[in-house]
Amino acid sequence: MKPTTPLKLSAIAFTLLWSGWMLWWSGEYDLGNIIILAVCGAIAGYVWYRVMRWFFRRMSLLPHDGIDPGANQ
């Protein structure tokens, strides 16, 4: 497993939770609102992934080249 796989899965979870929370909070369940919130959730998840990847690399929790030298491949 690549070192970034858990980060990608957590970004997907963040996207789903954020979109679901925003949909519930708005109280509007029409198609246009669902589409807008899904797009905004995808953007928020992608930005969250990029920021957390940068932060983890800066803190040396992720390798810079994408390959974990301690993993058995």
Protein backbone atom coordinates (compact mmCIF):
# COMPACT_ATOMS: atom_id res chain seq x y z
CA MET A 1 0.00 0.00 0.00
CA LYS A 2 1.27 3.45 -0.87
CA PRO A 3 1.88 5.86 2.00
CA THR A 4 -0.71 8.30 0.62
CA THR A 5 -3.57 5.77 0.46
CA PRO A 6 -4.89 6.47 3.99
CA LEU A 7 -4.73 10.18 3.23
CA LYS A 8 -6.76 9.70 0.05
CA LEU A 9 -9.36 7.62 1.87
CA SER A 10 -9.65 10.22 4.61
CA ALA A 11 -10.10 12.94 1.96
CA ILE A 12 -13.00 10.93 0.50
CA ALA A 13 -14.52 10.57 3.97
CA PHE A 14 -14.08 14.31 4.55
CA THR A 15 -15.80 15.06 1.23
CA LEU A 16 -18.78 12.85 2.04
CA LEU A 17 -19.15 14.17 5.58
CA TRP A 18 -18.78 17.80 4.53
CA SER A 19 -21.28 17.46 1.68
CA GLY A 20 -23.75 15.60 3.87
CA TRP A 21 -23.46 18.13 6.66
CA MET A 22 -23.93 21.08 4.30
CA LEU A 23 -26.96 19.42 2.72
CA TRP A 24 -28.49 18.73 6.12
CA TRP A 25 -27.68 22.23 7.39
CA SER A 26 -29.19 23.98 4.37
CA GLY A 27 -32.46 22.05 4.58
CA GLU A 28 -32.98 22.39 0.82
CA TYR A 29 -33.18 19.03 -0.95
CA ASP A 30 -33.79 20.10 -4.54
CA LEU A 31 -31.58 18.85 -7.37
CA GLY A 32 -29.74 22.13 -7.97
CA ASN A 33 -28.69 22.43 -4.34
CA ILE A 34 -27.52 18.81 -4.23
CA ILE A 35 -25.39 19.29 -7.35
CA ILE A 36 -23.86 22.54 -6.09
CA LEU A 37 -23.05 21.04 -2.70
CA ALA A 38 -21.58 17.91 -4.31
CA VAL A 39 -19.28 20.03 -6.48
CA CYS A 40 -18.29 22.22 -3.54
CA GLY A 41 -17.70 19.10 -1.44
CA ALA A 42 -15.43 17.64 -4.10
CA ILE A 43 -13.44 20.88 -4.24
CA ALA A 44 -13.23 21.02 -0.44
CA GLY A 45 -12.05 17.39 -0.31
CA TYR A 46 -9.39 17.99 -2.94
CA VAL A 47 -8.12 21.12 -1.18
CA TRP A 48 -8.12 19.25 2.15
CA TYR A 49 -6.07 16.43 0.58
CA ARG A 50 -3.51 18.84 -0.91
CA VAL A 51 -3.11 20.81 2.32
CA MET A 52 -2.78 17.69 4.49
CA ARG A 53 -0.29 16.12 2.06
CA TRP A 54 1.81 19.30 2.15
CA PHE A 55 1.60 19.44 5.93
CA PHE A 56 2.49 15.75 6.42
CA ARG A 57 5.46 16.06 4.06
CA ARG A 58 6.61 19.18 5.87
CA MET A 59 6.43 17.33 9.20
CA SER A 60 8.26 14.34 7.60
CA LEU A 61 5.30 12.02 8.08
CA LEU A 62 5.14 11.31 4.33
CA PRO A 63 8.08 10.72 2.00
CA HIS A 64 8.76 13.44 -0.58
CA ASP A 65 9.13 11.06 -3.54
CA GLY A 66 5.95 9.05 -2.83
CA ILE A 67 7.85 5.88 -1.94
CA ASP A 68 8.19 4.82 1.68
CA PRO A 69 11.76 3.54 2.17
CA GLY A 70 10.66 1.35 5.11
CA ALA A 71 7.81 -0.42 3.30
CA ASN A 72 8.18 -3.89 1.82
CA GLN A 73 7.39 -3.71 -1.86
